[in-house]
């Protein structure tokens, strides 16, 4: 069995405050864009003719076909996700601010 040793302690040592807020925001936007792009690709894959039926192997024609466009998918997918992230970000920022000023 392999033994891993770390040159620096993970939980000890002096605390450095070298975080870059703009870098963190850029990374968060990049991750959100990747999730959105992945959701759109999955949406295109599922709505391609015959792919969903082939994956599910069900030939059920009694169900209504629901068409969701790019704008509707963005409005009801990306916007609530971004709003939730914003709410969590505000809560985290408030808790961090409160911790620093105590």
C-alpha atoms as a PDB file:
ATOM      1  CA  UNK A   1       0.000   0.000   0.000  1.00  0.00           C
ATOM      2  CA  UNK A   2       1.356   3.409  -0.917  1.00  0.00           C
ATOM      3  CA  UNK A   3       2.283   5.912   1.750  1.00  0.00           C
ATOM      4  CA  UNK A   4       1.704   9.577   0.980  1.00  0.00           C
ATOM      5  CA  UNK A   5       3.586  12.221   2.915  1.00  0.00           C
ATOM      6  CA  UNK A   6       2.906  15.908   2.603  1.00  0.00           C
ATOM      7  CA  UNK A   7       5.647  18.484   2.858  1.00  0.00           C
ATOM      8  CA  UNK A   8       3.332  21.063   4.428  1.00  0.00           C
ATOM      9  CA  UNK A   9       0.716  20.625   7.091  1.00  0.00           C
ATOM     10  CA  UNK A  10      -2.842  20.876   5.826  1.00  0.00           C
ATOM     11  CA  UNK A  11      -4.393  22.245   8.989  1.00  0.00           C
ATOM     12  CA  UNK A  12      -1.574  23.958  10.858  1.00  0.00           C
ATOM     13  CA  UNK A  13       0.822  26.786  10.329  1.00  0.00           C
ATOM     14  CA  UNK A  14       0.300  30.454   9.809  1.00  0.00           C
ATOM     15  CA  UNK A  15      -2.807  31.723   8.123  1.00  0.00           C
ATOM     16  CA  UNK A  16      -2.263  33.482   4.823  1.00  0.00           C
ATOM     17  CA  UNK A  17      -4.833  35.771   3.268  1.00  0.00           C
ATOM     18  CA  UNK A  18      -3.819  35.781  -0.390  1.00  0.00           C
ATOM     19  CA  UNK A  19      -7.238  35.071  -1.844  1.00  0.00           C
ATOM     20  CA  UNK A  20      -8.199  36.925  -4.947  1.00  0.00           C
ATOM     21  CA  UNK A  21     -11.847  37.924  -4.981  1.00  0.00           C
ATOM     22  CA  UNK A  22     -11.862  38.636  -8.694  1.00  0.00           C
ATOM     23  CA  UNK A  23     -10.172  35.296  -9.353  1.00  0.00           C
ATOM     24  CA  UNK A  24     -12.738  33.483  -7.223  1.00  0.00           C
ATOM     25  CA  UNK A  25     -15.596  35.233  -8.998  1.00  0.00           C
ATOM     26  CA  UNK A  26     -14.107  34.418 -12.400  1.00  0.00           C
ATOM     27  CA  UNK A  27     -13.716  30.772 -11.416  1.00  0.00           C
ATOM     28  CA  UNK A  28     -17.296  30.623 -10.112  1.00  0.00           C
ATOM     29  CA  UNK A  29     -18.615  32.135 -13.351  1.00  0.00           C
ATOM     30  CA  UNK A  30     -16.551  29.636 -15.351  1.00  0.00           C
ATOM     31  CA  UNK A  31     -17.928  26.706 -13.350  1.00  0.00           C
ATOM     32  CA  UNK A  32     -21.493  27.995 -13.725  1.00  0.00           C
ATOM     33  CA  UNK A  33     -20.957  28.399 -17.465  1.00  0.00           C
ATOM     34  CA  UNK A  34     -19.678  24.816 -17.676  1.00  0.00           C
ATOM     35  CA  UNK A  35     -22.757  23.533 -15.828  1.00  0.00           C
ATOM     36  CA  UNK A  36     -25.025  25.558 -18.119  1.00  0.00           C
ATOM     37  CA  UNK A  37     -23.245  24.369 -21.267  1.00  0.00           C
ATOM     38  CA  UNK A  38     -23.402  20.763 -20.060  1.00  0.00           C
ATOM     39  CA  UNK A  39     -27.113  21.078 -19.358  1.00  0.00           C
ATOM     40  CA  UNK A  40     -27.701  22.488 -22.835  1.00  0.00           C
ATOM     41  CA  UNK A  41     -25.710  19.663 -24.444  1.00  0.00           C
ATOM     42  CA  UNK A  42     -27.695  17.082 -22.479  1.00  0.00           C
ATOM     43  CA  UNK A  43     -30.892  18.867 -23.492  1.00  0.00           C
ATOM     44  CA  UNK A  44     -29.894  18.676 -27.162  1.00  0.00           C
ATOM     45  CA  UNK A  45     -28.940  15.028 -26.802  1.00  0.00           C
ATOM     46  CA  UNK A  46     -32.219  14.072 -25.161  1.00  0.00           C
ATOM     47  CA  UNK A  47     -34.304  15.999 -27.689  1.00  0.00           C
ATOM     48  CA  UNK A  48     -32.491  14.588 -30.716  1.00  0.00           C
ATOM     49  CA  UNK A  49     -34.818  12.337 -32.738  1.00  0.00           C
ATOM     50  CA  UNK A  50     -34.819   8.793 -31.425  1.00  0.00           C
ATOM     51  CA  UNK A  51     -32.040   9.177 -28.851  1.00  0.00           C
ATOM     52  CA  UNK A  52     -34.310   9.311 -25.812  1.00  0.00           C
ATOM     53  CA  UNK A  53     -36.378   6.371 -27.066  1.00  0.00           C
ATOM     54  CA  UNK A  54     -33.226   4.413 -27.792  1.00  0.00           C
ATOM     55  CA  UNK A  55     -31.817   5.109 -24.334  1.00  0.00           C
ATOM     56  CA  UNK A  56     -35.056   4.312 -22.540  1.00  0.00           C
ATOM     57  CA  UNK A  57     -36.079   1.566 -25.016  1.00  0.00           C
ATOM     58  CA  UNK A  58     -39.698   2.530 -24.550  1.00  0.00           C
ATOM     59  CA  UNK A  59     -41.995   3.208 -27.493  1.00  0.00           C
ATOM     60  CA  UNK A  60     -44.715   5.014 -25.599  1.00  0.00           C
ATOM     61  CA  UNK A  61     -46.643   7.384 -27.856  1.00  0.00           C
ATOM     62  CA  UNK A  62     -49.410   8.189 -25.381  1.00  0.00           C
ATOM     63  CA  UNK A  63     -47.333  10.793 -23.601  1.00  0.00           C
ATOM     64  CA  UNK A  64     -47.371  14.413 -24.751  1.00  0.00           C
ATOM     65  CA  UNK A  65     -44.129  15.686 -26.254  1.00  0.00           C
ATOM     66  CA  UNK A  66     -42.702  18.645 -24.376  1.00  0.00           C
ATOM     67  CA  UNK A  67     -40.507  21.054 -26.316  1.00  0.00           C
ATOM     68  CA  UNK A  68     -38.222  23.249 -24.242  1.00  0.00           C
ATOM     69  CA  UNK A  69     -36.276  25.881 -26.122  1.00  0.00           C
ATOM     70  CA  UNK A  70     -32.910  27.387 -25.277  1.00  0.00           C
ATOM     71  CA  UNK A  71     -34.439  30.552 -23.806  1.00  0.00           C
ATOM     72  CA  UNK A  72     -36.895  28.669 -21.587  1.00  0.00           C
ATOM     73  CA  UNK A  73     -34.189  26.252 -20.450  1.00  0.00           C
ATOM     74  CA  UNK A  74     -31.930  29.158 -19.603  1.00  0.00           C
ATOM     75  CA  UNK A  75     -34.663  31.106 -17.833  1.00  0.00           C
ATOM     76  CA  UNK A  76     -35.886  28.221 -15.691  1.00  0.00           C
ATOM     77  CA  UNK A  77     -32.529  26.452 -15.285  1.00  0.00           C
ATOM     78  CA  UNK A  78     -29.673  28.901 -15.146  1.00  0.00           C
ATOM     79  CA  UNK A  79     -31.429  31.857 -13.534  1.00  0.00           C
ATOM     80  CA  UNK A  80     -32.668  29.977 -10.401  1.00  0.00           C
ATOM     81  CA  UNK A  81     -29.279  28.312 -10.064  1.00  0.00           C
ATOM     82  CA  UNK A  82     -27.503  31.662 -10.218  1.00  0.00           C
ATOM     83  CA  UNK A  83     -29.993  33.171  -7.770  1.00  0.00           C
ATOM     84  CA  UNK A  84     -29.384  30.313  -5.320  1.00  0.00           C
ATOM     85  CA  UNK A  85     -25.622  30.742  -5.659  1.00  0.00           C
ATOM     86  CA  UNK A  86     -26.007  34.461  -5.058  1.00  0.00           C
ATOM     87  CA  UNK A  87     -28.041  33.842  -1.904  1.00  0.00           C
ATOM     88  CA  UNK A  88     -25.471  31.355  -0.589  1.00  0.00           C
ATOM     89  CA  UNK A  89     -22.683  33.784  -1.478  1.00  0.00           C
ATOM     90  CA  UNK A  90     -24.343  36.625   0.416  1.00  0.00           C
ATOM     91  CA  UNK A  91     -24.836  34.390   3.450  1.00  0.00           C
ATOM     92  CA  UNK A  92     -21.191  33.223   3.309  1.00  0.00           C
ATOM     93  CA  UNK A  93     -19.936  36.794   2.917  1.00  0.00           C
ATOM     94  CA  UNK A  94     -22.055  37.942   5.871  1.00  0.00           C
ATOM     95  CA  UNK A  95     -20.802  35.094   8.069  1.00  0.00           C
ATOM     96  CA  UNK A  96     -17.202  35.814   7.075  1.00  0.00           C
ATOM     97  CA  UNK A  97     -17.650  39.534   7.741  1.00  0.00           C
ATOM     98  CA  UNK A  98     -19.213  38.789  11.148  1.00  0.00           C
ATOM     99  CA  UNK A  99     -16.394  36.416  12.047  1.00  0.00           C
ATOM    100  CA  UNK A 100     -13.711  38.990  11.190  1.00  0.00           C
ATOM    101  CA  UNK A 101     -15.368  41.787  13.173  1.00  0.00           C
ATOM    102  CA  UNK A 102     -15.783  39.900  16.442  1.00  0.00           C
END
